[in-house]
């Protein structure tokens, strides 16, 4: 089993950070690549961020209400 650290992606050149609005999955839940995993508000727009890999959501690093910089870790997914 391997661990994949999911980071906050950048949506647009001006995006520097985003606020975690709501996690759609909880630790222990199975996730599929491309499945929406978390809602993030950036520049007053809320976007659903898909999982970049398939596996199990192992832990959430960035909690709801927290503002995270682009490319900072937000979750860990166990793959394989």
PDB file of N, CA and C in Angstrom:
ATOM      1  N   UNK A   1       0.832  -1.185   0.000  1.00  0.00           N
ATOM      2  CA  UNK A   1       0.000   0.000   0.000  1.00  0.00           C
ATOM      3  C   UNK A   1       0.883   1.258   0.000  1.00  0.00           C
ATOM      4  N   UNK A   2       0.467   2.228  -0.768  1.00  0.00           N
ATOM      5  CA  UNK A   2       1.212   3.486  -0.842  1.00  0.00           C
ATOM      6  C   UNK A   2       0.294   4.631  -0.421  1.00  0.00           C
ATOM      7  N   UNK A   3       0.904   5.697   0.047  1.00  0.00           N
ATOM      8  CA  UNK A   3       0.147   6.881   0.434  1.00  0.00           C
ATOM      9  C   UNK A   3       0.380   7.983  -0.586  1.00  0.00           C
ATOM     10  N   UNK A   4      -0.720   8.609  -1.022  1.00  0.00           N
ATOM     11  CA  UNK A   4      -0.662   9.726  -1.962  1.00  0.00           C
ATOM     12  C   UNK A   4      -1.134  10.971  -1.227  1.00  0.00           C
ATOM     13  N   UNK A   5      -0.300  12.013  -1.221  1.00  0.00           N
ATOM     14  CA  UNK A   5      -0.675  13.263  -0.581  1.00  0.00           C
ATOM     15  C   UNK A   5      -1.345  14.160  -1.610  1.00  0.00           C
ATOM     16  N   UNK A   6      -2.614  14.444  -1.391  1.00  0.00           N
ATOM     17  CA  UNK A   6      -3.387  15.319  -2.284  1.00  0.00           C
ATOM     18  C   UNK A   6      -3.140  16.763  -1.884  1.00  0.00           C
ATOM     19  N   UNK A   7      -2.858  17.607  -2.878  1.00  0.00           N
ATOM     20  CA  UNK A   7      -2.626  19.026  -2.618  1.00  0.00           C
ATOM     21  C   UNK A   7      -3.755  19.855  -3.221  1.00  0.00           C
ATOM     22  N   UNK A   8      -3.904  21.084  -2.733  1.00  0.00           N
ATOM     23  CA  UNK A   8      -4.916  21.990  -3.280  1.00  0.00           C
ATOM     24  C   UNK A   8      -4.475  22.430  -4.671  1.00  0.00           C
ATOM     25  N   UNK A   9      -5.264  22.091  -5.706  1.00  0.00           N
ATOM     26  CA  UNK A   9      -4.877  22.494  -7.065  1.00  0.00           C
ATOM     27  C   UNK A   9      -5.128  23.977  -7.303  1.00  0.00           C
ATOM     28  N   UNK A  10      -4.459  24.511  -8.301  1.00  0.00           N
ATOM     29  CA  UNK A  10      -4.632  25.914  -8.672  1.00  0.00           C
ATOM     30  C   UNK A  10      -5.607  25.999  -9.838  1.00  0.00           C
ATOM     31  N   UNK A  11      -6.686  26.753  -9.644  1.00  0.00           N
ATOM     32  CA  UNK A  11      -7.685  26.988 -10.692  1.00  0.00           C
ATOM     33  C   UNK A  11      -7.563  28.436 -11.121  1.00  0.00           C
ATOM     34  N   UNK A  12      -6.760  28.699 -12.117  1.00  0.00           N
ATOM     35  CA  UNK A  12      -6.566  30.067 -12.599  1.00  0.00           C
ATOM     36  C   UNK A  12      -5.285  30.676 -12.063  1.00  0.00           C
ATOM     37  N   UNK A  13      -4.728  31.581 -12.849  1.00  0.00           N
ATOM     38  CA  UNK A  13      -3.427  32.175 -12.511  1.00  0.00           C
ATOM     39  C   UNK A  13      -3.461  33.002 -11.225  1.00  0.00           C
ATOM     40  N   UNK A  14      -4.590  33.641 -10.938  1.00  0.00           N
ATOM     41  CA  UNK A  14      -4.657  34.521  -9.770  1.00  0.00           C
ATOM     42  C   UNK A  14      -4.938  33.817  -8.463  1.00  0.00           C
ATOM     43  N   UNK A  15      -5.249  32.530  -8.518  1.00  0.00           N
ATOM     44  CA  UNK A  15      -5.593  31.802  -7.291  1.00  0.00           C
ATOM     45  C   UNK A  15      -4.355  31.537  -6.458  1.00  0.00           C
ATOM     46  N   UNK A  16      -4.389  32.012  -5.210  1.00  0.00           N
ATOM     47  CA  UNK A  16      -3.269  31.807  -4.296  1.00  0.00           C
ATOM     48  C   UNK A  16      -3.619  30.875  -3.155  1.00  0.00           C
ATOM     49  N   UNK A  17      -4.918  30.833  -2.812  1.00  0.00           N
ATOM     50  CA  UNK A  17      -5.361  29.959  -1.732  1.00  0.00           C
ATOM     51  C   UNK A  17      -6.837  29.638  -1.912  1.00  0.00           C
ATOM     52  N   UNK A  18      -7.339  28.777  -1.059  1.00  0.00           N
ATOM     53  CA  UNK A  18      -8.746  28.396  -1.099  1.00  0.00           C
ATOM     54  C   UNK A  18      -9.196  27.965   0.281  1.00  0.00           C
ATOM     55  N   UNK A  19     -10.488  28.146   0.547  1.00  0.00           N
ATOM     56  CA  UNK A  19     -11.056  27.727   1.828  1.00  0.00           C
ATOM     57  C   UNK A  19     -11.784  26.398   1.643  1.00  0.00           C
ATOM     58  N   UNK A  20     -11.487  25.458   2.526  1.00  0.00           N
ATOM     59  CA  UNK A  20     -12.172  24.173   2.504  1.00  0.00           C
ATOM     60  C   UNK A  20     -13.602  24.415   2.985  1.00  0.00           C
ATOM     61  N   UNK A  21     -14.579  24.183   2.100  1.00  0.00           N
ATOM     62  CA  UNK A  21     -15.983  24.415   2.441  1.00  0.00           C
ATOM     63  C   UNK A  21     -16.586  23.152   3.052  1.00  0.00           C
ATOM     64  N   UNK A  22     -16.402  22.003   2.354  1.00  0.00           N
ATOM     65  CA  UNK A  22     -17.041  20.780   2.820  1.00  0.00           C
ATOM     66  C   UNK A  22     -16.348  19.569   2.215  1.00  0.00           C
ATOM     67  N   UNK A  23     -16.059  18.613   3.066  1.00  0.00           N
ATOM     68  CA  UNK A  23     -15.541  17.332   2.590  1.00  0.00           C
ATOM     69  C   UNK A  23     -16.720  16.457   2.188  1.00  0.00           C
ATOM     70  N   UNK A  24     -16.653  15.859   1.009  1.00  0.00           N
ATOM     71  CA  UNK A  24     -17.714  14.997   0.508  1.00  0.00           C
ATOM     72  C   UNK A  24     -17.498  13.538   0.908  1.00  0.00           C
ATOM     73  N   UNK A  25     -16.304  13.233   1.369  1.00  0.00           N
ATOM     74  CA  UNK A  25     -15.946  11.898   1.855  1.00  0.00           C
ATOM     75  C   UNK A  25     -15.289  12.063   3.224  1.00  0.00           C
ATOM     76  N   UNK A  26     -15.280  10.980   3.989  1.00  0.00           N
ATOM     77  CA  UNK A  26     -14.675  10.979   5.321  1.00  0.00           C
ATOM     78  C   UNK A  26     -13.586   9.904   5.374  1.00  0.00           C
ATOM     79  N   UNK A  27     -12.643  10.030   6.314  1.00  0.00           N
ATOM     80  CA  UNK A  27     -11.601   9.005   6.429  1.00  0.00           C
ATOM     81  C   UNK A  27     -12.212   7.603   6.529  1.00  0.00           C
ATOM     82  N   UNK A  28     -11.624   6.690   5.765  1.00  0.00           N
ATOM     83  CA  UNK A  28     -12.112   5.321   5.705  1.00  0.00           C
ATOM     84  C   UNK A  28     -12.983   5.063   4.488  1.00  0.00           C
ATOM     85  N   UNK A  29     -13.457   6.129   3.836  1.00  0.00           N
ATOM     86  CA  UNK A  29     -14.289   5.986   2.643  1.00  0.00           C
ATOM     87  C   UNK A  29     -13.437   5.665   1.419  1.00  0.00           C
ATOM     88  N   UNK A  30     -13.983   4.815   0.554  1.00  0.00           N
ATOM     89  CA  UNK A  30     -13.340   4.531  -0.731  1.00  0.00           C
ATOM     90  C   UNK A  30     -13.569   5.712  -1.670  1.00  0.00           C
ATOM     91  N   UNK A  31     -12.556   6.030  -2.466  1.00  0.00           N
ATOM     92  CA  UNK A  31     -12.675   7.096  -3.469  1.00  0.00           C
ATOM     93  C   UNK A  31     -12.178   6.581  -4.809  1.00  0.00           C
ATOM     94  N   UNK A  32     -12.802   7.058  -5.858  1.00  0.00           N
ATOM     95  CA  UNK A  32     -12.394   6.712  -7.212  1.00  0.00           C
ATOM     96  C   UNK A  32     -11.734   7.923  -7.859  1.00  0.00           C
ATOM     97  N   UNK A  33     -10.753   7.694  -8.698  1.00  0.00           N
ATOM     98  CA  UNK A  33     -10.119   8.782  -9.434  1.00  0.00           C
ATOM     99  C   UNK A  33     -11.191   9.542 -10.213  1.00  0.00           C
ATOM    100  N   UNK A  34     -11.200  10.856 -10.077  1.00  0.00           N
ATOM    101  CA  UNK A  34     -12.169  11.696 -10.771  1.00  0.00           C
ATOM    102  C   UNK A  34     -13.437  11.966  -9.976  1.00  0.00           C
ATOM    103  N   UNK A  35     -13.635  11.246  -8.886  1.00  0.00           N
ATOM    104  CA  UNK A  35     -14.812  11.442  -8.033  1.00  0.00           C
ATOM    105  C   UNK A  35     -14.613  12.687  -7.169  1.00  0.00           C
ATOM    106  N   UNK A  36     -15.643  13.519  -7.066  1.00  0.00           N
ATOM    107  CA  UNK A  36     -15.526  14.731  -6.262  1.00  0.00           C
ATOM    108  C   UNK A  36     -15.286  14.374  -4.806  1.00  0.00           C
ATOM    109  N   UNK A  37     -14.290  15.047  -4.218  1.00  0.00           N
ATOM    110  CA  UNK A  37     -13.845  14.714  -2.871  1.00  0.00           C
ATOM    111  C   UNK A  37     -14.062  15.854  -1.888  1.00  0.00           C
ATOM    112  N   UNK A  38     -13.927  17.096  -2.364  1.00  0.00           N
ATOM    113  CA  UNK A  38     -13.999  18.238  -1.460  1.00  0.00           C
ATOM    114  C   UNK A  38     -14.487  19.469  -2.215  1.00  0.00           C
ATOM    115  N   UNK A  39     -15.220  20.333  -1.516  1.00  0.00           N
ATOM    116  CA  UNK A  39     -15.632  21.618  -2.078  1.00  0.00           C
ATOM    117  C   UNK A  39     -14.703  22.695  -1.527  1.00  0.00           C
ATOM    118  N   UNK A  40     -14.206  23.536  -2.439  1.00  0.00           N
ATOM    119  CA  UNK A  40     -13.271  24.599  -2.077  1.00  0.00           C
ATOM    120  C   UNK A  40     -13.789  25.921  -2.623  1.00  0.00           C
ATOM    121  N   UNK A  41     -13.734  26.968  -1.794  1.00  0.00           N
ATOM    122  CA  UNK A  41     -14.096  28.303  -2.256  1.00  0.00           C
ATOM    123  C   UNK A  41     -12.815  29.080  -2.532  1.00  0.00           C
ATOM    124  N   UNK A  42     -12.720  29.601  -3.759  1.00  0.00           N
ATOM    125  CA  UNK A  42     -11.564  30.393  -4.167  1.00  0.00           C
ATOM    126  C   UNK A  42     -12.074  31.537  -5.021  1.00  0.00           C
ATOM    127  N   UNK A  43     -11.680  32.756  -4.701  1.00  0.00           N
ATOM    128  CA  UNK A  43     -12.101  33.939  -5.442  1.00  0.00           C
ATOM    129  C   UNK A  43     -13.626  33.999  -5.542  1.00  0.00           C
ATOM    130  N   UNK A  44     -14.294  33.699  -4.428  1.00  0.00           N
ATOM    131  CA  UNK A  44     -15.757  33.771  -4.312  1.00  0.00           C
ATOM    132  C   UNK A  44     -16.496  32.775  -5.207  1.00  0.00           C
ATOM    133  N   UNK A  45     -15.789  31.771  -5.703  1.00  0.00           N
ATOM    134  CA  UNK A  45     -16.388  30.710  -6.493  1.00  0.00           C
ATOM    135  C   UNK A  45     -16.143  29.387  -5.787  1.00  0.00           C
ATOM    136  N   UNK A  46     -17.178  28.576  -5.674  1.00  0.00           N
ATOM    137  CA  UNK A  46     -17.018  27.268  -5.051  1.00  0.00           C
ATOM    138  C   UNK A  46     -16.857  26.216  -6.142  1.00  0.00           C
ATOM    139  N   UNK A  47     -15.794  25.426  -6.021  1.00  0.00           N
ATOM    140  CA  UNK A  47     -15.524  24.367  -6.986  1.00  0.00           C
ATOM    141  C   UNK A  47     -15.427  23.032  -6.251  1.00  0.00           C
ATOM    142  N   UNK A  48     -15.822  21.965  -6.936  1.00  0.00           N
ATOM    143  CA  UNK A  48     -15.656  20.620  -6.399  1.00  0.00           C
ATOM    144  C   UNK A  48     -14.353  20.058  -6.948  1.00  0.00           C
ATOM    145  N   UNK A  49     -13.493  19.631  -6.048  1.00  0.00           N
ATOM    146  CA  UNK A  49     -12.179  19.123  -6.431  1.00  0.00           C
ATOM    147  C   UNK A  49     -12.240  17.600  -6.471  1.00  0.00           C
ATOM    148  N   UNK A  50     -11.919  16.997  -7.627  1.00  0.00           N
ATOM    149  CA  UNK A  50     -11.958  15.537  -7.733  1.00  0.00           C
ATOM    150  C   UNK A  50     -10.703  14.892  -7.155  1.00  0.00           C
ATOM    151  N   UNK A  51     -10.849  13.641  -6.792  1.00  0.00           N
ATOM    152  CA  UNK A  51      -9.713  12.864  -6.317  1.00  0.00           C
ATOM    153  C   UNK A  51      -8.773  12.581  -7.491  1.00  0.00           C
ATOM    154  N   UNK A  52      -7.483  12.793  -7.305  1.00  0.00           N
ATOM    155  CA  UNK A  52      -6.532  12.518  -8.387  1.00  0.00           C
ATOM    156  C   UNK A  52      -6.191  11.037  -8.528  1.00  0.00           C
ATOM    157  N   UNK A  53      -6.553  10.230  -7.526  1.00  0.00           N
ATOM    158  CA  UNK A  53      -6.236   8.793  -7.544  1.00  0.00           C
ATOM    159  C   UNK A  53      -7.390   8.000  -6.933  1.00  0.00           C
ATOM    160  N   UNK A  54      -7.389   6.696  -7.163  1.00  0.00           N
ATOM    161  CA  UNK A  54      -8.350   5.802  -6.521  1.00  0.00           C
ATOM    162  C   UNK A  54      -7.715   5.198  -5.280  1.00  0.00           C
ATOM    163  N   UNK A  55      -8.536   4.927  -4.282  1.00  0.00           N
ATOM    164  CA  UNK A  55      -8.040   4.314  -3.059  1.00  0.00           C
ATOM    165  C   UNK A  55      -8.987   4.563  -1.904  1.00  0.00           C
ATOM    166  N   UNK A  56      -8.410   4.742  -0.710  1.00  0.00           N
ATOM    167  CA  UNK A  56      -9.194   5.017   0.489  1.00  0.00           C
ATOM    168  C   UNK A  56      -8.697   6.319   1.107  1.00  0.00           C
ATOM    169  N   UNK A  57      -9.650   7.189   1.452  1.00  0.00           N
ATOM    170  CA  UNK A  57      -9.276   8.434   2.130  1.00  0.00           C
ATOM    171  C   UNK A  57      -8.744   8.065   3.504  1.00  0.00           C
ATOM    172  N   UNK A  58      -7.463   8.261   3.694  1.00  0.00           N
ATOM    173  CA  UNK A  58      -6.804   7.854   4.936  1.00  0.00           C
ATOM    174  C   UNK A  58      -6.966   8.920   6.015  1.00  0.00           C
ATOM    175  N   UNK A  59      -6.664  10.184   5.651  1.00  0.00           N
ATOM    176  CA  UNK A  59      -6.845  11.264   6.628  1.00  0.00           C
ATOM    177  C   UNK A  59      -7.013  12.601   5.929  1.00  0.00           C
ATOM    178  N   UNK A  60      -7.725  13.484   6.607  1.00  0.00           N
ATOM    179  CA  UNK A  60      -7.942  14.851   6.146  1.00  0.00           C
ATOM    180  C   UNK A  60      -6.948  15.741   6.870  1.00  0.00           C
ATOM    181  N   UNK A  61      -6.194  16.514   6.113  1.00  0.00           N
ATOM    182  CA  UNK A  61      -5.198  17.423   6.700  1.00  0.00           C
ATOM    183  C   UNK A  61      -5.805  18.802   6.912  1.00  0.00           C
ATOM    184  N   UNK A  62      -6.514  19.313   5.904  1.00  0.00           N
ATOM    185  CA  UNK A  62      -7.122  20.638   5.961  1.00  0.00           C
ATOM    186  C   UNK A  62      -8.603  20.494   6.314  1.00  0.00           C
ATOM    187  N   UNK A  63      -8.992  21.006   7.469  1.00  0.00           N
ATOM    188  CA  UNK A  63     -10.371  20.847   7.939  1.00  0.00           C
ATOM    189  C   UNK A  63     -11.289  21.901   7.330  1.00  0.00           C
ATOM    190  N   UNK A  64     -12.591  21.641   7.404  1.00  0.00           N
ATOM    191  CA  UNK A  64     -13.578  22.587   6.900  1.00  0.00           C
ATOM    192  C   UNK A  64     -13.420  23.938   7.589  1.00  0.00           C
ATOM    193  N   UNK A  65     -13.471  25.007   6.786  1.00  0.00           N
ATOM    194  CA  UNK A  65     -13.300  26.359   7.307  1.00  0.00           C
ATOM    195  C   UNK A  65     -11.864  26.854   7.265  1.00  0.00           C
ATOM    196  N   UNK A  66     -10.927  25.960   6.987  1.00  0.00           N
ATOM    197  CA  UNK A  66      -9.512  26.323   6.945  1.00  0.00           C
ATOM    198  C   UNK A  66      -9.136  26.854   5.557  1.00  0.00           C
ATOM    199  N   UNK A  67      -8.319  27.894   5.531  1.00  0.00           N
ATOM    200  CA  UNK A  67      -7.792  28.426   4.278  1.00  0.00           C
ATOM    201  C   UNK A  67      -6.413  27.833   4.050  1.00  0.00           C
ATOM    202  N   UNK A  68      -6.216  27.307   2.838  1.00  0.00           N
ATOM    203  CA  UNK A  68      -4.994  26.593   2.492  1.00  0.00           C
ATOM    204  C   UNK A  68      -4.379  27.230   1.248  1.00  0.00           C
ATOM    205  N   UNK A  69      -3.067  27.360   1.236  1.00  0.00           N
ATOM    206  CA  UNK A  69      -2.373  27.860   0.052  1.00  0.00           C
ATOM    207  C   UNK A  69      -2.394  26.818  -1.059  1.00  0.00           C
ATOM    208  N   UNK A  70      -2.362  27.284  -2.295  1.00  0.00           N
ATOM    209  CA  UNK A  70      -2.283  26.407  -3.460  1.00  0.00           C
ATOM    210  C   UNK A  70      -1.054  25.506  -3.326  1.00  0.00           C
ATOM    211  N   UNK A  71      -1.228  24.255  -3.688  1.00  0.00           N
ATOM    212  CA  UNK A  71      -0.185  23.220  -3.660  1.00  0.00           C
ATOM    213  C   UNK A  71       0.215  22.777  -2.248  1.00  0.00           C
ATOM    214  N   UNK A  72      -0.588  23.162  -1.239  1.00  0.00           N
ATOM    215  CA  UNK A  72      -0.347  22.672   0.121  1.00  0.00           C
ATOM    216  C   UNK A  72      -1.165  21.395   0.316  1.00  0.00           C
ATOM    217  N   UNK A  73      -0.691  20.452   1.136  1.00  0.00           N
ATOM    218  CA  UNK A  73      -1.407  19.200   1.356  1.00  0.00           C
ATOM    219  C   UNK A  73      -2.777  19.433   2.003  1.00  0.00           C
ATOM    220  N   UNK A  74      -3.793  18.688   1.502  1.00  0.00           N
ATOM    221  CA  UNK A  74      -5.126  18.786   2.105  1.00  0.00           C
ATOM    222  C   UNK A  74      -5.644  17.421   2.586  1.00  0.00           C
ATOM    223  N   UNK A  75      -5.101  16.323   2.033  1.00  0.00           N
ATOM    224  CA  UNK A  75      -5.556  14.989   2.428  1.00  0.00           C
ATOM    225  C   UNK A  75      -4.529  13.946   2.021  1.00  0.00           C
ATOM    226  N   UNK A  76      -4.681  12.765   2.627  1.00  0.00           N
ATOM    227  CA  UNK A  76      -3.831  11.621   2.270  1.00  0.00           C
ATOM    228  C   UNK A  76      -4.745  10.484   1.856  1.00  0.00           C
ATOM    229  N   UNK A  77      -4.441   9.900   0.680  1.00  0.00           N
ATOM    230  CA  UNK A  77      -5.219   8.783   0.134  1.00  0.00           C
ATOM    231  C   UNK A  77      -4.313   7.563   0.046  1.00  0.00           C
ATOM    232  N   UNK A  78      -4.797   6.448   0.568  1.00  0.00           N
ATOM    233  CA  UNK A  78      -4.056   5.189   0.469  1.00  0.00           C
ATOM    234  C   UNK A  78      -4.401   4.540  -0.869  1.00  0.00           C
ATOM    235  N   UNK A  79      -3.397   4.217  -1.648  1.00  0.00           N
ATOM    236  CA  UNK A  79      -3.609   3.619  -2.960  1.00  0.00           C
ATOM    237  C   UNK A  79      -3.051   2.199  -2.992  1.00  0.00           C
ATOM    238  N   UNK A  80      -3.451   1.476  -4.024  1.00  0.00           N
ATOM    239  CA  UNK A  80      -2.881   0.148  -4.232  1.00  0.00           C
ATOM    240  C   UNK A  80      -3.601  -0.893  -3.496  1.00  0.00           C
TER     241      UNK A  80
END
